[in-house]
Amino acid sequence: MLPPRRSPILYACVSTGSTVLADATIGSGGDDEDLEAIAAKCLENAPPHHLRYSHTVRGRVYSFLMDGGPFVFFSISEDGRGPPFRFLRRVRDAFAASIGSPGRRRIFRRCFQERFGPVIRRLAEADEKAGVEIECAAEAKGEEEERRRREAWRRHVRVILAADLVVCLVLFAIWMSICGGLRCIP
């Protein structure tokens, strides 16, 4: 049985510009870090001409998903613990299904928090469960690849030993023909 695994997603939010509309802190960012403040700084400096963008700093992945619309989907996750863009696409799709088109609705800070904050948390938990399944499959695949590598190495060693044996037998045959048997040995 695998030990309990915490979500690789530490923080996620939906924003328009630098205004956070809904967010969720899923994991622990450490006692000395305020993930919301870090996210606010990242959103202020979001790259303007990208559809998706990620940046890794000190073992954390800061990911942006921007589909050309007014909304930016942002996450902070641990490095190497699953693809954050898969999670962000699921957040985007759930947001579109849940909120629909804002139309002329007045958008203000955290205006979708009650409605969509729990949805982000559920998606992160579902992503965590999927991550455990992916890890199990990757582990099984890794064991299979390791077995295949060993078998290929064994075949390679057998071929080299057989080639060495053939070379030695040919050299021995040449030596025997030149010397006329064992007469070259005093």
N, C-alpha and C. Protein backbone atom coordinates (compact mmCIF):
# COMPACT_ATOMS: atom_id res chain seq x y z
N MET A 1 0.84 -1.18 0.00
CA MET A 1 0.00 0.00 0.00
C MET A 1 0.87 1.24 0.00
N LEU A 2 0.51 2.18 -0.82
CA LEU A 2 1.27 3.42 -0.92
C LEU A 2 0.98 4.32 0.27
N PRO A 3 2.00 5.07 0.73
CA PRO A 3 1.75 6.02 1.80
C PRO A 3 0.85 7.14 1.30
N PRO A 4 0.15 7.80 2.22
CA PRO A 4 -0.71 8.91 1.79
C PRO A 4 0.12 9.96 1.07
N ARG A 5 -0.43 10.50 0.05
CA ARG A 5 0.26 11.47 -0.80
C ARG A 5 -0.50 12.77 -0.74
N ARG A 6 0.23 13.84 -0.49
CA ARG A 6 -0.45 15.13 -0.50
C ARG A 6 -0.42 15.69 -1.90
N SER A 7 -1.32 16.59 -2.16
CA SER A 7 -1.48 17.16 -3.49
C SER A 7 -0.24 17.94 -3.90
N PRO A 8 0.19 17.79 -5.16
CA PRO A 8 1.32 18.59 -5.62
C PRO A 8 0.94 20.06 -5.84
N ILE A 9 -0.36 20.32 -5.96
CA ILE A 9 -0.84 21.69 -6.16
C ILE A 9 -0.91 22.37 -4.79
N LEU A 10 -0.18 23.45 -4.63
CA LEU A 10 -0.18 24.17 -3.36
C LEU A 10 -1.22 25.29 -3.35
N TYR A 11 -1.38 25.92 -4.50
CA TYR A 11 -2.29 27.07 -4.60
C TYR A 11 -2.78 27.15 -6.04
N ALA A 12 -4.03 27.52 -6.22
CA ALA A 12 -4.57 27.73 -7.56
C ALA A 12 -5.58 28.86 -7.51
N CYS A 13 -5.69 29.60 -8.62
CA CYS A 13 -6.66 30.68 -8.67
C CYS A 13 -7.09 30.97 -10.10
N VAL A 14 -8.21 31.66 -10.18
CA VAL A 14 -8.72 32.19 -11.44
C VAL A 14 -8.71 33.69 -11.28
N SER A 15 -8.18 34.38 -12.28
CA SER A 15 -8.12 35.84 -12.16
C SER A 15 -8.41 36.48 -13.50
N THR A 16 -8.67 37.74 -13.43
CA THR A 16 -8.72 38.56 -14.63
C THR A 16 -7.77 39.71 -14.35
N GLY A 17 -6.70 39.78 -15.14
CA GLY A 17 -5.64 40.72 -14.82
C GLY A 17 -5.00 40.29 -13.51
N SER A 18 -4.86 41.22 -12.59
CA SER A 18 -4.30 40.88 -11.28
C SER A 18 -5.39 40.74 -10.22
N THR A 19 -6.67 40.76 -10.64
CA THR A 19 -7.79 40.60 -9.71
C THR A 19 -8.15 39.13 -9.58
N VAL A 20 -7.98 38.57 -8.40
CA VAL A 20 -8.29 37.17 -8.16
C VAL A 20 -9.80 37.04 -7.97
N LEU A 21 -10.41 36.18 -8.79
CA LEU A 21 -11.85 35.97 -8.72
C LEU A 21 -12.22 34.81 -7.80
N ALA A 22 -11.40 33.77 -7.79
CA ALA A 22 -11.60 32.62 -6.91
C ALA A 22 -10.24 31.96 -6.72
N ASP A 23 -9.98 31.47 -5.52
CA ASP A 23 -8.73 30.79 -5.27
C ASP A 23 -8.90 29.71 -4.22
N ALA A 24 -7.87 28.89 -4.09
CA ALA A 24 -7.85 27.84 -3.07
C ALA A 24 -6.41 27.55 -2.72
N THR A 25 -6.13 27.50 -1.43
CA THR A 25 -4.83 27.05 -0.95
C THR A 25 -5.02 25.58 -0.60
N ILE A 26 -4.36 24.71 -1.35
CA ILE A 26 -4.59 23.28 -1.20
C ILE A 26 -3.53 22.65 -0.32
N GLY A 27 -2.27 22.95 -0.60
CA GLY A 27 -1.17 22.38 0.18
C GLY A 27 -0.56 23.42 1.09
N SER A 28 0.45 22.98 1.81
CA SER A 28 1.15 23.88 2.71
C SER A 28 2.33 24.49 1.98
N GLY A 29 2.43 25.78 2.02
CA GLY A 29 3.54 26.47 1.36
C GLY A 29 4.70 26.71 2.31
N GLY A 30 4.60 26.23 3.52
CA GLY A 30 5.63 26.51 4.52
C GLY A 30 5.14 27.60 5.46
N ASP A 31 5.71 27.63 6.64
CA ASP A 31 5.26 28.57 7.66
C ASP A 31 5.57 30.01 7.30
N ASP A 32 6.66 30.22 6.55
CA ASP A 32 7.09 31.59 6.30
C ASP A 32 6.58 32.14 4.96
N GLU A 33 5.74 31.41 4.25
CA GLU A 33 5.31 31.87 2.94
C GLU A 33 3.83 32.18 2.92
N ASP A 34 3.49 33.24 2.22
CA ASP A 34 2.10 33.59 1.98
C ASP A 34 1.85 33.37 0.49
N LEU A 35 1.24 32.23 0.17
CA LEU A 35 1.05 31.85 -1.22
C LEU A 35 0.18 32.85 -1.98
N GLU A 36 -0.78 33.45 -1.30
CA GLU A 36 -1.64 34.44 -1.96
C GLU A 36 -0.84 35.67 -2.37
N ALA A 37 0.08 36.09 -1.53
CA ALA A 37 0.92 37.26 -1.86
C ALA A 37 1.86 36.92 -3.02
N ILE A 38 2.42 35.72 -3.01
CA ILE A 38 3.29 35.29 -4.11
C ILE A 38 2.49 35.24 -5.40
N ALA A 39 1.28 34.69 -5.33
CA ALA A 39 0.42 34.60 -6.52
C ALA A 39 0.09 35.99 -7.05
N ALA A 40 -0.18 36.92 -6.15
CA ALA A 40 -0.51 38.29 -6.58
C ALA A 40 0.67 38.91 -7.34
N LYS A 41 1.89 38.69 -6.84
CA LYS A 41 3.07 39.22 -7.53
C LYS A 41 3.23 38.55 -8.90
N CYS A 42 3.00 37.24 -8.95
CA CYS A 42 3.12 36.52 -10.22
C CYS A 42 2.08 37.01 -11.22
N LEU A 43 0.86 37.21 -10.76
CA LEU A 43 -0.21 37.65 -11.66
C LEU A 43 0.04 39.06 -12.18
N GLU A 44 0.65 39.91 -11.36
CA GLU A 44 0.99 41.26 -11.81
C GLU A 44 2.00 41.21 -12.95
N ASN A 45 2.87 40.20 -12.92
CA ASN A 45 3.93 40.08 -13.91
C ASN A 45 3.67 38.96 -14.91
N ALA A 46 2.42 38.59 -15.09
CA ALA A 46 2.09 37.51 -16.03
C ALA A 46 2.51 37.89 -17.44
N PRO A 47 3.10 36.96 -18.16
CA PRO A 47 3.53 37.27 -19.53
C PRO A 47 2.32 37.55 -20.42
N PRO A 48 2.31 38.66 -21.13
CA PRO A 48 1.10 39.08 -21.86
C PRO A 48 0.81 38.31 -23.15
N HIS A 49 1.80 37.75 -23.79
CA HIS A 49 1.59 37.17 -25.11
C HIS A 49 1.80 35.66 -25.14
N HIS A 50 1.36 34.98 -24.12
CA HIS A 50 1.49 33.54 -24.05
C HIS A 50 0.11 32.91 -23.82
N LEU A 51 -0.08 31.71 -24.33
CA LEU A 51 -1.29 30.96 -24.01
C LEU A 51 -1.08 30.14 -22.75
N ARG A 52 0.15 29.66 -22.59
CA ARG A 52 0.50 28.97 -21.35
C ARG A 52 1.96 29.23 -21.07
N TYR A 53 2.28 29.27 -19.79
CA TYR A 53 3.62 29.64 -19.39
C TYR A 53 3.89 29.03 -18.02
N SER A 54 5.09 28.52 -17.83
CA SER A 54 5.46 28.05 -16.49
C SER A 54 6.90 28.45 -16.22
N HIS A 55 7.18 28.58 -14.94
CA HIS A 55 8.50 28.99 -14.50
C HIS A 55 8.80 28.23 -13.21
N THR A 56 9.99 27.66 -13.11
CA THR A 56 10.36 26.89 -11.93
C THR A 56 11.41 27.65 -11.13
N VAL A 57 11.12 27.82 -9.84
CA VAL A 57 12.04 28.49 -8.93
C VAL A 57 12.04 27.74 -7.61
N ARG A 58 13.23 27.33 -7.16
CA ARG A 58 13.40 26.68 -5.86
C ARG A 58 12.43 25.51 -5.65
N GLY A 59 12.30 24.68 -6.65
CA GLY A 59 11.46 23.49 -6.51
C GLY A 59 9.98 23.73 -6.63
N ARG A 60 9.59 24.92 -7.02
CA ARG A 60 8.17 25.23 -7.22
C ARG A 60 7.93 25.59 -8.68
N VAL A 61 6.80 25.14 -9.21
CA VAL A 61 6.43 25.46 -10.58
C VAL A 61 5.29 26.47 -10.53
N TYR A 62 5.49 27.61 -11.16
CA TYR A 62 4.48 28.65 -11.26
C TYR A 62 3.92 28.59 -12.68
N SER A 63 2.66 28.19 -12.81
CA SER A 63 2.08 27.93 -14.14
C SER A 63 0.91 28.85 -14.42
N PHE A 64 0.87 29.36 -15.65
CA PHE A 64 -0.21 30.22 -16.12
C PHE A 64 -0.86 29.56 -17.32
N LEU A 65 -2.18 29.58 -17.37
CA LEU A 65 -2.92 29.14 -18.55
C LEU A 65 -3.83 30.29 -18.95
N MET A 66 -3.59 30.82 -20.14
CA MET A 66 -4.35 31.97 -20.63
C MET A 66 -4.88 31.61 -22.01
N ASP A 67 -6.17 31.57 -22.18
CA ASP A 67 -6.75 31.15 -23.45
C ASP A 67 -7.16 32.30 -24.34
N GLY A 68 -6.54 33.42 -24.18
CA GLY A 68 -6.86 34.56 -25.02
C GLY A 68 -8.08 35.33 -24.54
N GLY A 69 -8.79 34.80 -23.56
CA GLY A 69 -9.94 35.49 -22.99
C GLY A 69 -9.50 36.37 -21.84
N PRO A 70 -10.46 36.83 -21.06
CA PRO A 70 -10.10 37.73 -19.96
C PRO A 70 -9.54 37.00 -18.74
N PHE A 71 -9.65 35.65 -18.71
CA PHE A 71 -9.30 34.93 -17.49
C PHE A 71 -7.92 34.30 -17.57
N VAL A 72 -7.23 34.31 -16.42
CA VAL A 72 -5.94 33.66 -16.27
C VAL A 72 -6.11 32.60 -15.19
N PHE A 73 -5.67 31.39 -15.48
CA PHE A 73 -5.73 30.29 -14.53
C PHE A 73 -4.29 30.05 -14.08
N PHE A 74 -4.06 30.14 -12.78
CA PHE A 74 -2.70 30.14 -12.23
C PHE A 74 -2.59 29.09 -11.14
N SER A 75 -1.43 28.43 -11.06
CA SER A 75 -1.19 27.49 -9.97
C SER A 75 0.26 27.54 -9.53
N ILE A 76 0.45 27.19 -8.28
CA ILE A 76 1.78 26.98 -7.71
C ILE A 76 1.80 25.52 -7.30
N SER A 77 2.78 24.77 -7.80
CA SER A 77 2.85 23.34 -7.47
C SER A 77 4.29 22.95 -7.18
N GLU A 78 4.44 21.78 -6.61
CA GLU A 78 5.77 21.26 -6.34
C GLU A 78 6.37 20.74 -7.63
N ASP A 79 7.66 20.95 -7.80
CA ASP A 79 8.34 20.55 -9.03
C ASP A 79 8.37 19.04 -9.16
N GLY A 80 8.07 18.57 -10.38
CA GLY A 80 8.18 17.15 -10.68
C GLY A 80 7.07 16.28 -10.14
N ARG A 81 5.96 16.84 -9.70
CA ARG A 81 4.90 16.04 -9.12
C ARG A 81 3.63 16.16 -9.96
N GLY A 82 3.74 15.84 -11.22
CA GLY A 82 2.55 15.85 -12.07
C GLY A 82 2.48 17.09 -12.94
N PRO A 83 1.80 16.98 -14.04
CA PRO A 83 1.71 18.10 -14.97
C PRO A 83 0.70 19.15 -14.52
N PRO A 84 1.12 20.38 -14.21
CA PRO A 84 0.18 21.39 -13.74
C PRO A 84 -0.78 21.86 -14.83
N PHE A 85 -0.40 21.76 -16.10
CA PHE A 85 -1.30 22.25 -17.16
C PHE A 85 -2.52 21.37 -17.31
N ARG A 86 -2.39 20.08 -17.03
CA ARG A 86 -3.57 19.21 -17.06
C ARG A 86 -4.57 19.68 -15.99
N PHE A 87 -4.06 19.97 -14.81
CA PHE A 87 -4.91 20.47 -13.73
C PHE A 87 -5.53 21.82 -14.11
N LEU A 88 -4.74 22.73 -14.68
CA LEU A 88 -5.25 24.05 -15.03
C LEU A 88 -6.30 23.97 -16.14
N ARG A 89 -6.14 23.06 -17.09
CA ARG A 89 -7.17 22.89 -18.12
C ARG A 89 -8.47 22.40 -17.50
N ARG A 90 -8.37 21.52 -16.51
CA ARG A 90 -9.58 21.04 -15.83
C ARG A 90 -10.23 22.17 -15.05
N VAL A 91 -9.43 23.04 -14.43
CA VAL A 91 -9.98 24.21 -13.72
C VAL A 91 -10.67 25.13 -14.72
N ARG A 92 -10.03 25.39 -15.86
CA ARG A 92 -10.61 26.25 -16.89
C ARG A 92 -11.95 25.69 -17.37
N ASP A 93 -11.99 24.39 -17.67
CA ASP A 93 -13.23 23.78 -18.16
C ASP A 93 -14.33 23.82 -17.11
N ALA A 94 -13.97 23.54 -15.85
CA ALA A 94 -14.96 23.59 -14.78
C ALA A 94 -15.44 25.02 -14.55
N PHE A 95 -14.53 25.98 -14.67
CA PHE A 95 -14.91 27.38 -14.49
C PHE A 95 -15.89 27.80 -15.58
N ALA A 96 -15.59 27.43 -16.81
CA ALA A 96 -16.47 27.78 -17.93
C ALA A 96 -17.84 27.14 -17.75
N ALA A 97 -17.88 25.89 -17.28
CA ALA A 97 -19.15 25.20 -17.08
C ALA A 97 -19.92 25.79 -15.90
N SER A 98 -19.19 26.16 -14.86
CA SER A 98 -19.83 26.64 -13.63
C SER A 98 -20.29 28.09 -13.75
N ILE A 99 -19.47 28.93 -14.31
CA ILE A 99 -19.74 30.35 -14.35
C ILE A 99 -20.41 30.77 -15.64
N GLY A 100 -20.01 30.11 -16.73
CA GLY A 100 -20.53 30.52 -18.03
C GLY A 100 -19.89 31.82 -18.46
N SER A 101 -20.51 32.53 -19.33
CA SER A 101 -19.99 33.81 -19.79
C SER A 101 -20.38 34.89 -18.79
N PRO A 102 -19.40 35.66 -18.32
CA PRO A 102 -19.75 36.70 -17.35
C PRO A 102 -20.59 37.82 -17.94
N GLY A 103 -20.57 37.93 -19.28
CA GLY A 103 -21.37 38.97 -19.93
C GLY A 103 -21.06 40.33 -19.37
N ARG A 104 -22.11 41.04 -18.98
CA ARG A 104 -21.92 42.39 -18.44
C ARG A 104 -21.87 42.38 -16.91
N ARG A 105 -21.76 41.18 -16.34
CA ARG A 105 -21.70 41.06 -14.89
C ARG A 105 -20.51 41.84 -14.34
N ARG A 106 -20.71 42.50 -13.24
CA ARG A 106 -19.64 43.25 -12.60
C ARG A 106 -18.68 42.26 -11.95
N ILE A 107 -17.42 42.35 -12.33
CA ILE A 107 -16.40 41.44 -11.80
C ILE A 107 -15.57 42.19 -10.78
N PHE A 108 -15.44 41.61 -9.60
CA PHE A 108 -14.65 42.24 -8.55
C PHE A 108 -13.90 41.15 -7.79
N ARG A 109 -13.00 41.57 -6.92
CA ARG A 109 -12.13 40.63 -6.20
C ARG A 109 -12.95 39.58 -5.46
N ARG A 110 -12.62 38.33 -5.70
CA ARG A 110 -13.21 37.15 -5.08
C ARG A 110 -14.72 37.03 -5.30
N CYS A 111 -15.21 37.54 -6.41
CA CYS A 111 -16.65 37.50 -6.66
C CYS A 111 -17.16 36.08 -6.93
N PHE A 112 -16.27 35.16 -7.32
CA PHE A 112 -16.68 33.77 -7.56
C PHE A 112 -16.15 32.82 -6.49
N GLN A 113 -15.64 33.37 -5.38
CA GLN A 113 -14.98 32.54 -4.37
C GLN A 113 -15.91 31.49 -3.78
N GLU A 114 -17.10 31.89 -3.36
CA GLU A 114 -18.02 30.93 -2.73
C GLU A 114 -18.41 29.82 -3.69
N ARG A 115 -18.62 30.20 -4.93
CA ARG A 115 -19.11 29.25 -5.92
C ARG A 115 -18.02 28.37 -6.50
N PHE A 116 -16.82 28.93 -6.70
CA PHE A 116 -15.81 28.19 -7.42
C PHE A 116 -14.60 27.78 -6.58
N GLY A 117 -14.36 28.38 -5.43
CA GLY A 117 -13.24 27.99 -4.57
C GLY A 117 -13.27 26.51 -4.22
N PRO A 118 -14.43 25.97 -3.78
CA PRO A 118 -14.50 24.53 -3.48
C PRO A 118 -14.29 23.65 -4.71
N VAL A 119 -14.66 24.14 -5.88
CA VAL A 119 -14.47 23.37 -7.11
C VAL A 119 -12.97 23.21 -7.37
N ILE A 120 -12.19 24.26 -7.17
CA ILE A 120 -10.74 24.17 -7.36
C ILE A 120 -10.16 23.13 -6.41
N ARG A 121 -10.61 23.16 -5.16
CA ARG A 121 -10.11 22.20 -4.16
C ARG A 121 -10.45 20.76 -4.56
N ARG A 122 -11.69 20.52 -5.04
CA ARG A 122 -12.08 19.17 -5.47
C ARG A 122 -11.25 18.71 -6.66
N LEU A 123 -10.99 19.61 -7.60
CA LEU A 123 -10.18 19.24 -8.76
C LEU A 123 -8.75 18.88 -8.34
N ALA A 124 -8.20 19.60 -7.37
CA ALA A 124 -6.85 19.29 -6.89
C ALA A 124 -6.83 17.93 -6.20
N GLU A 125 -7.87 17.62 -5.42
CA GLU A 125 -7.94 16.31 -4.78
C GLU A 125 -8.09 15.20 -5.81
N ALA A 126 -8.89 15.43 -6.84
CA ALA A 126 -9.04 14.44 -7.90
C ALA A 126 -7.72 14.27 -8.65
N ASP A 127 -7.01 15.37 -8.85
CA ASP A 127 -5.71 15.31 -9.51
C ASP A 127 -4.72 14.53 -8.67
N GLU A 128 -4.81 14.67 -7.34
CA GLU A 128 -3.95 13.93 -6.43
C GLU A 128 -4.20 12.43 -6.55
N LYS A 129 -5.48 12.03 -6.58
CA LYS A 129 -5.81 10.61 -6.72
C LYS A 129 -5.34 10.07 -8.06
N ALA A 130 -5.52 10.85 -9.11
CA ALA A 130 -5.05 10.44 -10.43
C ALA A 130 -3.53 10.33 -10.43
N GLY A 131 -2.87 11.21 -9.69
CA GLY A 131 -1.41 11.17 -9.59
C GLY A 131 -0.91 9.89 -8.96
N VAL A 132 -1.62 9.39 -7.92
CA VAL A 132 -1.24 8.13 -7.29
C VAL A 132 -1.36 6.99 -8.30
N GLU A 133 -2.46 6.98 -9.07
CA GLU A 133 -2.63 5.95 -10.08
C GLU A 133 -1.55 6.04 -11.14
N ILE A 134 -1.21 7.25 -11.55
CA ILE A 134 -0.15 7.43 -12.55
C ILE A 134 1.18 6.96 -11.99
N GLU A 135 1.46 7.26 -10.69
CA GLU A 135 2.70 6.81 -10.08
C GLU A 135 2.79 5.30 -10.05
N CYS A 136 1.68 4.62 -9.72
CA CYS A 136 1.66 3.15 -9.70
C CYS A 136 1.95 2.60 -11.10
N ALA A 137 1.30 3.17 -12.10
CA ALA A 137 1.51 2.71 -13.48
C ALA A 137 2.94 3.00 -13.91
N ALA A 138 3.47 4.16 -13.53
CA ALA A 138 4.84 4.51 -13.90
C ALA A 138 5.83 3.58 -13.21
N GLU A 139 5.54 3.22 -11.96
CA GLU A 139 6.42 2.31 -11.24
C GLU A 139 6.45 0.94 -11.91
N ALA A 140 5.26 0.43 -12.30
CA ALA A 140 5.19 -0.86 -12.99
C ALA A 140 5.91 -0.79 -14.34
N LYS A 141 5.73 0.31 -15.04
CA LYS A 141 6.40 0.49 -16.33
C LYS A 141 7.91 0.56 -16.12
N GLY A 142 8.35 1.24 -15.08
CA GLY A 142 9.77 1.35 -14.78
C GLY A 142 10.39 0.00 -14.48
N GLU A 143 9.67 -0.85 -13.73
CA GLU A 143 10.16 -2.19 -13.44
C GLU A 143 10.26 -3.02 -14.72
N GLU A 144 9.29 -2.90 -15.60
CA GLU A 144 9.32 -3.62 -16.88
C GLU A 144 10.48 -3.14 -17.74
N GLU A 145 10.70 -1.82 -17.79
CA GLU A 145 11.82 -1.29 -18.56
C GLU A 145 13.16 -1.76 -17.99
N GLU A 146 13.27 -1.82 -16.67
CA GLU A 146 14.49 -2.29 -16.02
C GLU A 146 14.74 -3.76 -16.38
N ARG A 147 13.71 -4.58 -16.38
CA ARG A 147 13.84 -5.99 -16.74
C ARG A 147 14.31 -6.12 -18.19
N ARG A 148 13.73 -5.31 -19.09
CA ARG A 148 14.14 -5.35 -20.50
C ARG A 148 15.58 -4.89 -20.67
N ARG A 149 16.01 -3.88 -19.94
CA ARG A 149 17.39 -3.42 -20.03
C ARG A 149 18.36 -4.51 -19.59
N ARG A 150 18.04 -5.20 -18.49
CA ARG A 150 18.90 -6.28 -18.02
C ARG A 150 19.01 -7.40 -19.06
N GLU A 151 17.87 -7.76 -19.63
CA GLU A 151 17.86 -8.82 -20.64
C GLU A 151 18.67 -8.40 -21.86
N ALA A 152 18.56 -7.16 -22.32
CA ALA A 152 19.34 -6.66 -23.45
C ALA A 152 20.83 -6.67 -23.11
N TRP A 153 21.18 -6.32 -21.88
CA TRP A 153 22.58 -6.34 -21.45
C TRP A 153 23.12 -7.77 -21.49
N ARG A 154 22.34 -8.72 -20.99
CA ARG A 154 22.77 -10.12 -21.01
C ARG A 154 22.99 -10.62 -22.44
N ARG A 155 22.08 -10.27 -23.36
CA ARG A 155 22.25 -10.66 -24.76
C ARG A 155 23.53 -10.05 -25.34
N HIS A 156 23.77 -8.81 -25.01
CA HIS A 156 24.96 -8.10 -25.49
C HIS A 156 26.23 -8.79 -24.98
N VAL A 157 26.26 -9.15 -23.72
CA VAL A 157 27.42 -9.83 -23.14
C VAL A 157 27.63 -11.19 -23.82
N ARG A 158 26.56 -11.93 -24.06
CA ARG A 158 26.68 -13.24 -24.73
C ARG A 158 27.26 -13.08 -26.14
N VAL A 159 26.81 -12.09 -26.88
CA VAL A 159 27.32 -11.86 -28.24
C VAL A 159 28.81 -11.52 -28.19
N ILE A 160 29.22 -10.68 -27.26
CA ILE A 160 30.63 -10.30 -27.15
C ILE A 160 31.48 -11.51 -26.77
N LEU A 161 31.01 -12.32 -25.83
CA LEU A 161 31.77 -13.51 -25.44
C LEU A 161 31.88 -14.49 -26.61
N ALA A 162 30.80 -14.66 -27.35
CA ALA A 162 30.85 -15.56 -28.52
C ALA A 162 31.82 -15.04 -29.56
N ALA A 163 31.82 -13.72 -29.81
CA ALA A 163 32.75 -13.14 -30.78
C ALA A 163 34.19 -13.31 -30.30
N ASP A 164 34.45 -13.11 -29.01
CA ASP A 164 35.79 -13.31 -28.46
C ASP A 164 36.23 -14.77 -28.62
N LEU A 165 35.35 -15.70 -28.39
CA LEU A 165 35.67 -17.12 -28.53
C LEU A 165 36.01 -17.45 -29.98
N VAL A 166 35.26 -16.93 -30.92
CA VAL A 166 35.54 -17.17 -32.34
C VAL A 166 36.90 -16.60 -32.72
N VAL A 167 37.22 -15.38 -32.29
CA VAL A 167 38.52 -14.76 -32.60
C VAL A 167 39.65 -15.61 -32.00
N CYS A 168 39.47 -16.04 -30.76
CA CYS A 168 40.51 -16.86 -30.11
C CYS A 168 40.71 -18.18 -30.86
N LEU A 169 39.63 -18.83 -31.28
CA LEU A 169 39.73 -20.10 -32.01
C LEU A 169 40.41 -19.90 -33.36
N VAL A 170 40.10 -18.81 -34.07
CA VAL A 170 40.75 -18.52 -35.35
C VAL A 170 42.24 -18.29 -35.15
N LEU A 171 42.62 -17.50 -34.13
CA LEU A 171 44.03 -17.26 -33.86
C LEU A 171 44.75 -18.55 -33.47
N PHE A 172 44.10 -19.40 -32.69
CA PHE A 172 44.68 -20.69 -32.30
C PHE A 172 44.88 -21.58 -33.53
N ALA A 173 43.89 -21.58 -34.44
CA ALA A 173 44.00 -22.39 -35.66
C ALA A 173 45.14 -21.89 -36.53
N ILE A 174 45.32 -20.57 -36.66
CA ILE A 174 46.42 -20.01 -37.44
C ILE A 174 47.75 -20.40 -36.82
N TRP A 175 47.84 -20.30 -35.52
CA TRP A 175 49.08 -20.65 -34.81
C TRP A 175 49.40 -22.13 -35.01
N MET A 176 48.38 -22.99 -34.92
CA MET A 176 48.59 -24.43 -35.08
C MET A 176 49.05 -24.74 -36.52
N SER A 177 48.51 -24.03 -37.50
CA SER A 177 48.90 -24.31 -38.89
C SER A 177 50.32 -23.82 -39.18
N ILE A 178 50.73 -22.71 -38.60
CA ILE A 178 52.08 -22.20 -38.82
C ILE A 178 53.11 -23.09 -38.13
N CYS A 179 52.81 -23.47 -36.92
CA CYS A 179 53.77 -24.26 -36.14
C CYS A 179 53.70 -25.75 -36.49
N GLY A 180 52.68 -26.17 -37.18
CA GLY A 180 52.55 -27.61 -37.48
C GLY A 180 52.19 -28.38 -36.22
N GLY A 181 51.31 -27.88 -35.45
CA GLY A 181 50.88 -28.55 -34.24
C GLY A 181 51.50 -27.85 -33.04
N LEU A 182 52.01 -28.65 -32.10
CA LEU A 182 52.58 -28.07 -30.87
C LEU A 182 54.11 -28.05 -30.96
N ARG A 183 54.71 -28.12 -32.17
CA ARG A 183 56.16 -28.16 -32.31
C ARG A 183 56.83 -26.81 -31.96
N CYS A 184 56.10 -25.70 -31.96
CA CYS A 184 56.70 -24.39 -31.65
C CYS A 184 56.96 -24.24 -30.16
N ILE A 185 56.42 -25.12 -29.38
CA ILE A 185 56.63 -25.03 -27.93
C ILE A 185 57.85 -25.86 -27.60
N PRO A 186 58.92 -25.26 -27.02
CA PRO A 186 60.15 -26.01 -26.73
C PRO A 186 59.97 -26.99 -25.58
